[in-house]
Amino acid sequence: MKALVQRGLKRLGYTLYRDVPRDTANPLPVEQAAHAALLRAVIERAHVNCVLDVGAHRGGFHHLLRANGYRGEIVSFEPVSTSFAALGVDGDPAWRAHRLALGREAGVATINVARESNFTSFLEPNRFSVEHFGGSEVDRQEEVEVQRLDALFADVTAHVPAARVLLKTDTQGWDLEVIEGAAGCLQHVVALQVELSVRAIYDGAPGWLETLDRLRALGFRPAQLTSVGRDAGLGLLELDCLLVREGAG
């Protein structure tokens, strides 16, 4: 009966959430729903026709976009061999993937593959991170190719005339490096989604205010902040930040 009521409400555009959630350390369902709604609105308002998914891991952002109604082009970038192999792009003709990392400088770099692969980063996890998330401990290292986005942009958007891009980066403390490597093509980026570090879990990661200041200087302003995780005291660890370019709507 409960499932039947929930399905009926869903068809009418409503969703029920528990008043007291079981897990407050991770994003609450109502936070995730708000993020999905704002993401859909930004894509529609800014007329996004191409999403560049940097740090694709195993395709989670692709699945969110498709579940949210986006049917346009998606280009994913994932450098780690096992994660890239798990993407499974063959089932979606508008989804392409490249096994490489993006950054400020082209070359070859060593990436720290964590015990839980979603913590994989070019940066070293700090002591708090390893104690709080056992899975962030480095399991092995891989040598990976790194390219600047602006050097690849014409090729990766060749299928999309007059590309209007949503650039999503989830690179565990490396997001500003990706943005700086996109300097020559940022005029085509009408929206961003980046991960912000509120309480550092990687050595050398820029703080959230530093990142927001830099993105503001580049002409972007926040549309939505969504928690990625909280510590034992319910203090924020990281945020997903959705941003829009001034005048791009």
C-alpha atoms as a PDB file:
ATOM      1  CA  MET A   1       0.000   0.000   0.000  1.00  0.00           C
ATOM      2  CA  LYS A   2       2.823   2.402   0.905  1.00  0.00           C
ATOM      3  CA  ALA A   3       4.552   1.833  -2.463  1.00  0.00           C
ATOM      4  CA  LEU A   4       1.244   2.294  -4.293  1.00  0.00           C
ATOM      5  CA  VAL A   5       0.638   5.658  -2.586  1.00  0.00           C
ATOM      6  CA  GLN A   6       4.183   6.781  -3.344  1.00  0.00           C
ATOM      7  CA  ARG A   7       3.819   5.892  -7.037  1.00  0.00           C
ATOM      8  CA  GLY A   8       0.515   7.744  -7.200  1.00  0.00           C
ATOM      9  CA  LEU A   9       2.021  10.862  -5.663  1.00  0.00           C
ATOM     10  CA  LYS A  10       5.021  10.601  -8.002  1.00  0.00           C
ATOM     11  CA  ARG A  11       2.736  10.706 -11.026  1.00  0.00           C
ATOM     12  CA  LEU A  12       1.237  13.910  -9.633  1.00  0.00           C
ATOM     13  CA  GLY A  13       4.672  15.457  -9.214  1.00  0.00           C
ATOM     14  CA  TYR A  14       5.122  14.900  -5.464  1.00  0.00           C
ATOM     15  CA  THR A  15       7.680  12.900  -3.463  1.00  0.00           C
ATOM     16  CA  LEU A  16       7.564  12.019   0.230  1.00  0.00           C
ATOM     17  CA  TYR A  17      10.676  12.131   2.447  1.00  0.00           C
ATOM     18  CA  ARG A  18      11.235  10.894   5.986  1.00  0.00           C
ATOM     19  CA  ASP A  19      11.031  13.686   8.569  1.00  0.00           C
ATOM     20  CA  VAL A  20      13.948  12.124  10.479  1.00  0.00           C
ATOM     21  CA  PRO A  21      16.425  10.677   7.958  1.00  0.00           C
ATOM     22  CA  ARG A  22      18.339   7.525   8.843  1.00  0.00           C
ATOM     23  CA  ASP A  23      21.667   8.837   7.528  1.00  0.00           C
ATOM     24  CA  THR A  24      22.646  12.465   8.115  1.00  0.00           C
ATOM     25  CA  ALA A  25      26.318  12.033   7.170  1.00  0.00           C
ATOM     26  CA  ASN A  26      25.484  11.659   3.471  1.00  0.00           C
ATOM     27  CA  PRO A  27      23.310  13.940   1.301  1.00  0.00           C
ATOM     28  CA  LEU A  28      19.652  13.836   2.321  1.00  0.00           C
ATOM     29  CA  PRO A  29      17.167  12.697  -0.347  1.00  0.00           C
ATOM     30  CA  VAL A  30      15.504  16.110  -0.312  1.00  0.00           C
ATOM     31  CA  GLU A  31      18.910  17.737  -0.987  1.00  0.00           C
ATOM     32  CA  GLN A  32      19.524  15.401  -3.912  1.00  0.00           C
ATOM     33  CA  ALA A  33      16.062  16.120  -5.313  1.00  0.00           C
ATOM     34  CA  ALA A  34      16.649  19.876  -5.089  1.00  0.00           C
ATOM     35  CA  HIS A  35      19.985  19.511  -6.848  1.00  0.00           C
ATOM     36  CA  ALA A  36      18.442  17.448  -9.657  1.00  0.00           C
ATOM     37  CA  ALA A  37      15.655  20.009 -10.116  1.00  0.00           C
ATOM     38  CA  LEU A  38      18.098  22.934 -10.310  1.00  0.00           C
ATOM     39  CA  LEU A  39      20.380  20.994 -12.647  1.00  0.00           C
ATOM     40  CA  ARG A  40      17.464  20.379 -15.004  1.00  0.00           C
ATOM     41  CA  ALA A  41      16.462  24.046 -14.818  1.00  0.00           C
ATOM     42  CA  VAL A  42      19.991  25.269 -15.562  1.00  0.00           C
ATOM     43  CA  ILE A  43      20.321  22.926 -18.554  1.00  0.00           C
ATOM     44  CA  GLU A  44      16.997  24.153 -19.953  1.00  0.00           C
ATOM     45  CA  ARG A  45      17.465  27.861 -19.173  1.00  0.00           C
ATOM     46  CA  ALA A  46      21.029  27.999 -20.541  1.00  0.00           C
ATOM     47  CA  HIS A  47      20.155  25.827 -23.587  1.00  0.00           C
ATOM     48  CA  VAL A  48      22.929  23.333 -22.809  1.00  0.00           C
ATOM     49  CA  ASN A  49      23.542  20.963 -25.729  1.00  0.00           C
ATOM     50  CA  CYS A  50      26.810  19.353 -24.610  1.00  0.00           C
ATOM     51  CA  VAL A  51      27.960  18.121 -21.188  1.00  0.00           C
ATOM     52  CA  LEU A  52      31.653  17.568 -20.503  1.00  0.00           C
ATOM     53  CA  ASP A  53      31.871  15.114 -17.617  1.00  0.00           C
ATOM     54  CA  VAL A  54      35.364  15.350 -16.094  1.00  0.00           C
ATOM     55  CA  GLY A  55      36.136  12.692 -13.505  1.00  0.00           C
ATOM     56  CA  ALA A  56      33.401  10.385 -14.764  1.00  0.00           C
ATOM     57  CA  HIS A  57      34.338   7.548 -12.386  1.00  0.00           C
ATOM     58  CA  ARG A  58      31.816   4.854 -13.352  1.00  0.00           C
ATOM     59  CA  GLY A  59      29.225   7.013 -15.078  1.00  0.00           C
ATOM     60  CA  GLY A  60      27.104   8.305 -12.204  1.00  0.00           C
ATOM     61  CA  PHE A  61      26.687  11.816 -13.630  1.00  0.00           C
ATOM     62  CA  HIS A  62      25.689  10.405 -17.024  1.00  0.00           C
ATOM     63  CA  HIS A  63      22.965   8.348 -15.350  1.00  0.00           C
ATOM     64  CA  LEU A  64      21.742  11.394 -13.379  1.00  0.00           C
ATOM     65  CA  LEU A  65      21.535  13.478 -16.556  1.00  0.00           C
ATOM     66  CA  ARG A  66      19.581  10.843 -18.466  1.00  0.00           C
ATOM     67  CA  ALA A  67      17.220  10.219 -15.526  1.00  0.00           C
ATOM     68  CA  ASN A  68      16.694  13.998 -15.425  1.00  0.00           C
ATOM     69  CA  GLY A  69      15.558  14.137 -19.044  1.00  0.00           C
ATOM     70  CA  TYR A  70      18.719  15.416 -20.767  1.00  0.00           C
ATOM     71  CA  ARG A  71      19.132  13.714 -24.164  1.00  0.00           C
ATOM     72  CA  GLY A  72      22.002  15.748 -25.628  1.00  0.00           C
ATOM     73  CA  GLU A  73      25.670  14.967 -26.125  1.00  0.00           C
ATOM     74  CA  ILE A  74      27.780  13.797 -23.153  1.00  0.00           C
ATOM     75  CA  VAL A  75      31.574  13.494 -23.336  1.00  0.00           C
ATOM     76  CA  SER A  76      33.196  11.828 -20.313  1.00  0.00           C
ATOM     77  CA  PHE A  77      36.834  11.878 -19.191  1.00  0.00           C
ATOM     78  CA  GLU A  78      38.146   9.213 -16.813  1.00  0.00           C
ATOM     79  CA  PRO A  79      41.861   8.349 -16.468  1.00  0.00           C
ATOM     80  CA  VAL A  80      41.802   5.303 -14.153  1.00  0.00           C
ATOM     81  CA  SER A  81      41.830   2.008 -16.050  1.00  0.00           C
ATOM     82  CA  THR A  82      39.287   0.077 -13.954  1.00  0.00           C
ATOM     83  CA  SER A  83      36.818   2.962 -13.723  1.00  0.00           C
ATOM     84  CA  PHE A  84      37.075   3.691 -17.446  1.00  0.00           C
ATOM     85  CA  ALA A  85      36.417   0.036 -18.244  1.00  0.00           C
ATOM     86  CA  ALA A  86      33.245   0.166 -16.113  1.00  0.00           C
ATOM     87  CA  LEU A  87      31.680   3.149 -17.912  1.00  0.00           C
ATOM     88  CA  GLY A  88      29.755   1.124 -20.499  1.00  0.00           C
ATOM     89  CA  VAL A  89      29.229   3.883 -23.067  1.00  0.00           C
ATOM     90  CA  ASP A  90      28.196   1.484 -25.835  1.00  0.00           C
ATOM     91  CA  GLY A  91      24.555   1.543 -24.799  1.00  0.00           C
ATOM     92  CA  ASP A  92      24.128   5.291 -25.418  1.00  0.00           C
ATOM     93  CA  PRO A  93      24.866   6.662 -28.917  1.00  0.00           C
ATOM     94  CA  ALA A  94      25.124  10.244 -27.599  1.00  0.00           C
ATOM     95  CA  TRP A  95      27.752   9.359 -24.972  1.00  0.00           C
ATOM     96  CA  ARG A  96      31.486   9.207 -25.710  1.00  0.00           C
ATOM     97  CA  ALA A  97      34.405   8.691 -23.333  1.00  0.00           C
ATOM     98  CA  HIS A  98      38.140   9.376 -23.306  1.00  0.00           C
ATOM     99  CA  ARG A  99      40.627   7.682 -21.008  1.00  0.00           C
ATOM    100  CA  LEU A 100      42.606  10.699 -19.843  1.00  0.00           C
ATOM    101  CA  ALA A 101      42.719  13.356 -17.149  1.00  0.00           C
ATOM    102  CA  LEU A 102      42.338  17.094 -17.666  1.00  0.00           C
ATOM    103  CA  GLY A 103      44.481  19.720 -15.994  1.00  0.00           C
ATOM    104  CA  ARG A 104      46.472  22.924 -16.271  1.00  0.00           C
ATOM    105  CA  GLU A 105      49.429  21.325 -18.091  1.00  0.00           C
ATOM    106  CA  ALA A 106      49.617  18.534 -20.662  1.00  0.00           C
ATOM    107  CA  GLY A 107      51.845  15.578 -19.897  1.00  0.00           C
ATOM    108  CA  VAL A 108      51.923  12.387 -17.840  1.00  0.00           C
ATOM    109  CA  ALA A 109      51.151  12.421 -14.111  1.00  0.00           C
ATOM    110  CA  THR A 110      50.846   9.945 -11.247  1.00  0.00           C
ATOM    111  CA  ILE A 111      47.349   9.490  -9.854  1.00  0.00           C
ATOM    112  CA  ASN A 112      46.642   7.921  -6.437  1.00  0.00           C
ATOM    113  CA  VAL A 113      44.040   5.179  -6.874  1.00  0.00           C
ATOM    114  CA  ALA A 114      42.223   4.791  -3.568  1.00  0.00           C
ATOM    115  CA  ARG A 115      40.904   1.605  -1.971  1.00  0.00           C
ATOM    116  CA  GLU A 116      37.443   2.996  -2.761  1.00  0.00           C
ATOM    117  CA  SER A 117      37.890   4.367  -6.247  1.00  0.00           C
ATOM    118  CA  ASN A 118      35.623   7.407  -5.785  1.00  0.00           C
ATOM    119  CA  PHE A 119      38.380   8.899  -3.556  1.00  0.00           C
ATOM    120  CA  THR A 120      41.026   8.638  -6.300  1.00  0.00           C
ATOM    121  CA  SER A 121      42.992  11.879  -6.702  1.00  0.00           C
ATOM    122  CA  PHE A 122      46.226  13.428  -7.914  1.00  0.00           C
ATOM    123  CA  LEU A 123      46.503  14.739  -4.338  1.00  0.00           C
ATOM    124  CA  GLU A 124      47.409  12.755  -1.217  1.00  0.00           C
ATOM    125  CA  PRO A 125      44.638  12.047   1.301  1.00  0.00           C
ATOM    126  CA  ASN A 126      45.355  13.697   4.659  1.00  0.00           C
ATOM    127  CA  ARG A 127      45.303  12.002   8.062  1.00  0.00           C
ATOM    128  CA  PHE A 128      41.711  13.009   8.804  1.00  0.00           C
ATOM    129  CA  SER A 129      40.594  11.548   5.472  1.00  0.00           C
ATOM    130  CA  VAL A 130      42.235   8.157   6.038  1.00  0.00           C
ATOM    131  CA  GLU A 131      40.890   7.947   9.610  1.00  0.00           C
ATOM    132  CA  HIS A 132      37.372   9.117   8.689  1.00  0.00           C
ATOM    133  CA  PHE A 133      37.116   7.300   5.343  1.00  0.00           C
ATOM    134  CA  GLY A 134      39.191   4.130   5.376  1.00  0.00           C
ATOM    135  CA  GLY A 135      38.526   3.818   1.663  1.00  0.00           C
ATOM    136  CA  SER A 136      40.492   6.974   0.833  1.00  0.00           C
ATOM    137  CA  GLU A 137      43.804   5.275   1.630  1.00  0.00           C
ATOM    138  CA  VAL A 138      45.972   4.917  -1.481  1.00  0.00           C
ATOM    139  CA  ASP A 139      45.866   1.382  -2.882  1.00  0.00           C
ATOM    140  CA  ARG A 140      48.116   1.854  -5.907  1.00  0.00           C
ATOM    141  CA  GLN A 141      49.339   4.471  -8.363  1.00  0.00           C
ATOM    142  CA  GLU A 142      48.866   4.792 -12.118  1.00  0.00           C
ATOM    143  CA  GLU A 143      50.663   6.898 -14.694  1.00  0.00           C
ATOM    144  CA  VAL A 144      47.957   8.687 -16.707  1.00  0.00           C
ATOM    145  CA  GLU A 145      47.794  11.073 -19.636  1.00  0.00           C
ATOM    146  CA  VAL A 146      46.818  14.663 -18.840  1.00  0.00           C
ATOM    147  CA  GLN A 147      45.600  17.190 -21.421  1.00  0.00           C
ATOM    148  CA  ARG A 148      44.294  20.756 -21.340  1.00  0.00           C
ATOM    149  CA  LEU A 149      40.610  20.962 -22.170  1.00  0.00           C
ATOM    150  CA  ASP A 150      41.071  23.960 -24.456  1.00  0.00           C
ATOM    151  CA  ALA A 151      43.492  21.922 -26.603  1.00  0.00           C
ATOM    152  CA  LEU A 152      40.853  19.188 -27.068  1.00  0.00           C
ATOM    153  CA  PHE A 153      37.708  21.291 -27.134  1.00  0.00           C
ATOM    154  CA  ALA A 154      37.198  21.558 -30.908  1.00  0.00           C
ATOM    155  CA  ASP A 155      37.569  17.796 -31.352  1.00  0.00           C
ATOM    156  CA  VAL A 156      35.390  16.683 -28.430  1.00  0.00           C
ATOM    157  CA  THR A 157      32.558  19.070 -29.388  1.00  0.00           C
ATOM    158  CA  ALA A 158      32.775  18.435 -33.149  1.00  0.00           C
ATOM    159  CA  HIS A 159      29.393  16.639 -33.053  1.00  0.00           C
ATOM    160  CA  VAL A 160      27.707  19.724 -31.567  1.00  0.00           C
ATOM    161  CA  PRO A 161      27.533  22.868 -33.726  1.00  0.00           C
ATOM    162  CA  ALA A 162      27.523  26.058 -31.627  1.00  0.00           C
ATOM    163  CA  ALA A 163      28.230  24.116 -28.435  1.00  0.00           C
ATOM    164  CA  ARG A 164      26.709  25.457 -25.214  1.00  0.00           C
ATOM    165  CA  VAL A 165      28.528  23.481 -22.556  1.00  0.00           C
ATOM    166  CA  LEU A 166      27.875  22.373 -19.010  1.00  0.00           C
ATOM    167  CA  LEU A 167      31.319  21.512 -17.614  1.00  0.00           C
ATOM    168  CA  LYS A 168      31.145  19.153 -14.643  1.00  0.00           C
ATOM    169  CA  THR A 169      34.294  18.379 -12.657  1.00  0.00           C
ATOM    170  CA  ASP A 170      34.512  15.847  -9.826  1.00  0.00           C
ATOM    171  CA  THR A 171      38.234  15.331  -9.456  1.00  0.00           C
ATOM    172  CA  GLN A 172      38.851  15.208  -5.702  1.00  0.00           C
ATOM    173  CA  GLY A 173      40.642  18.500  -5.110  1.00  0.00           C
ATOM    174  CA  TRP A 174      41.780  18.981  -8.733  1.00  0.00           C
ATOM    175  CA  ASP A 175      38.796  20.964 -10.073  1.00  0.00           C
ATOM    176  CA  LEU A 176      40.546  24.342 -10.340  1.00  0.00           C
ATOM    177  CA  GLU A 177      43.346  22.672 -12.320  1.00  0.00           C
ATOM    178  CA  VAL A 178      40.723  21.514 -14.829  1.00  0.00           C
ATOM    179  CA  ILE A 179      39.179  24.997 -15.012  1.00  0.00           C
ATOM    180  CA  GLU A 180      42.559  26.685 -15.572  1.00  0.00           C
ATOM    181  CA  GLY A 181      43.238  24.236 -18.406  1.00  0.00           C
ATOM    182  CA  ALA A 182      39.972  25.345 -20.037  1.00  0.00           C
ATOM    183  CA  ALA A 183      40.936  29.027 -20.246  1.00  0.00           C
ATOM    184  CA  GLY A 184      40.874  29.074 -24.042  1.00  0.00           C
ATOM    185  CA  CYS A 185      37.362  27.632 -24.368  1.00  0.00           C
ATOM    186  CA  LEU A 186      35.511  28.956 -21.298  1.00  0.00           C
ATOM    187  CA  GLN A 187      33.501  31.312 -23.516  1.00  0.00           C
ATOM    188  CA  HIS A 188      31.547  28.219 -24.632  1.00  0.00           C
ATOM    189  CA  VAL A 189      30.848  27.092 -21.041  1.00  0.00           C
ATOM    190  CA  VAL A 190      27.470  28.417 -19.893  1.00  0.00           C
ATOM    191  CA  ALA A 191      27.292  26.394 -16.652  1.00  0.00           C
ATOM    192  CA  LEU A 192      29.603  24.576 -14.265  1.00  0.00           C
ATOM    193  CA  GLN A 193      29.317  21.910 -11.617  1.00  0.00           C
ATOM    194  CA  VAL A 194      32.354  21.641  -9.339  1.00  0.00           C
ATOM    195  CA  GLU A 195      33.134  19.996  -6.011  1.00  0.00           C
ATOM    196  CA  LEU A 196      34.098  22.361  -3.191  1.00  0.00           C
ATOM    197  CA  SER A 197      36.241  21.376  -0.198  1.00  0.00           C
ATOM    198  CA  VAL A 198      34.852  22.775   3.085  1.00  0.00           C
ATOM    199  CA  ARG A 199      36.940  20.561   5.362  1.00  0.00           C
ATOM    200  CA  ALA A 200      40.019  19.346   3.509  1.00  0.00           C
ATOM    201  CA  ILE A 201      40.431  15.609   2.968  1.00  0.00           C
ATOM    202  CA  TYR A 202      43.384  16.011   0.569  1.00  0.00           C
ATOM    203  CA  ASP A 203      46.682  17.811   1.159  1.00  0.00           C
ATOM    204  CA  GLY A 204      46.932  20.918  -1.006  1.00  0.00           C
ATOM    205  CA  ALA A 205      43.299  21.082  -2.093  1.00  0.00           C
ATOM    206  CA  PRO A 206      42.011  24.671  -2.448  1.00  0.00           C
ATOM    207  CA  GLY A 207      39.327  25.723   0.031  1.00  0.00           C
ATOM    208  CA  TRP A 208      35.750  26.311  -1.024  1.00  0.00           C
ATOM    209  CA  LEU A 209      35.901  30.097  -0.690  1.00  0.00           C
ATOM    210  CA  GLU A 210      39.114  30.260  -2.727  1.00  0.00           C
ATOM    211  CA  THR A 211      37.470  28.221  -5.483  1.00  0.00           C
ATOM    212  CA  LEU A 212      34.301  30.331  -5.448  1.00  0.00           C
ATOM    213  CA  ASP A 213      36.363  33.537  -5.635  1.00  0.00           C
ATOM    214  CA  ARG A 214      38.210  32.241  -8.688  1.00  0.00           C
ATOM    215  CA  LEU A 215      35.021  31.123 -10.427  1.00  0.00           C
ATOM    216  CA  ARG A 216      33.364  34.462  -9.688  1.00  0.00           C
ATOM    217  CA  ALA A 217      36.329  36.222 -11.294  1.00  0.00           C
ATOM    218  CA  LEU A 218      35.744  34.049 -14.377  1.00  0.00           C
ATOM    219  CA  GLY A 219      32.121  35.197 -14.595  1.00  0.00           C
ATOM    220  CA  PHE A 220      30.215  32.401 -12.850  1.00  0.00           C
ATOM    221  CA  ARG A 221      27.845  32.626  -9.889  1.00  0.00           C
ATOM    222  CA  PRO A 222      26.363  29.822  -7.742  1.00  0.00           C
ATOM    223  CA  ALA A 223      22.899  28.474  -8.433  1.00  0.00           C
ATOM    224  CA  GLN A 224      22.859  25.575  -5.951  1.00  0.00           C
ATOM    225  CA  LEU A 225      25.011  24.114  -3.158  1.00  0.00           C
ATOM    226  CA  THR A 226      24.441  20.483  -2.202  1.00  0.00           C
ATOM    227  CA  SER A 227      26.219  18.586   0.571  1.00  0.00           C
ATOM    228  CA  VAL A 228      28.427  15.690  -0.481  1.00  0.00           C
ATOM    229  CA  GLY A 229      29.210  14.543   3.051  1.00  0.00           C
ATOM    230  CA  ARG A 230      29.349  15.559   6.708  1.00  0.00           C
ATOM    231  CA  ASP A 231      31.670  14.610   9.552  1.00  0.00           C
ATOM    232  CA  ALA A 232      30.657  13.085  12.891  1.00  0.00           C
ATOM    233  CA  GLY A 233      29.638  16.529  14.190  1.00  0.00           C
ATOM    234  CA  LEU A 234      27.493  17.083  11.066  1.00  0.00           C
ATOM    235  CA  GLY A 235      29.932  19.717   9.807  1.00  0.00           C
ATOM    236  CA  LEU A 236      30.155  19.894   6.030  1.00  0.00           C
ATOM    237  CA  LEU A 237      33.064  18.150   4.302  1.00  0.00           C
ATOM    238  CA  GLU A 238      32.363  18.853   0.633  1.00  0.00           C
ATOM    239  CA  LEU A 239      29.723  20.523  -1.529  1.00  0.00           C
ATOM    240  CA  ASP A 240      28.603  20.064  -5.104  1.00  0.00           C
ATOM    241  CA  CYS A 241      28.250  23.568  -6.513  1.00  0.00           C
ATOM    242  CA  LEU A 242      26.192  24.287  -9.613  1.00  0.00           C
ATOM    243  CA  LEU A 243      27.081  27.624 -11.213  1.00  0.00           C
ATOM    244  CA  VAL A 244      25.783  29.682 -14.140  1.00  0.00           C
ATOM    245  CA  ARG A 245      27.598  32.169 -16.338  1.00  0.00           C
ATOM    246  CA  GLU A 246      26.385  35.734 -16.029  1.00  0.00           C
ATOM    247  CA  GLY A 247      24.087  36.508 -18.968  1.00  0.00           C
ATOM    248  CA  ALA A 248      24.092  32.973 -20.370  1.00  0.00           C
ATOM    249  CA  GLY A 249      20.391  32.264 -19.795  1.00  0.00           C
END
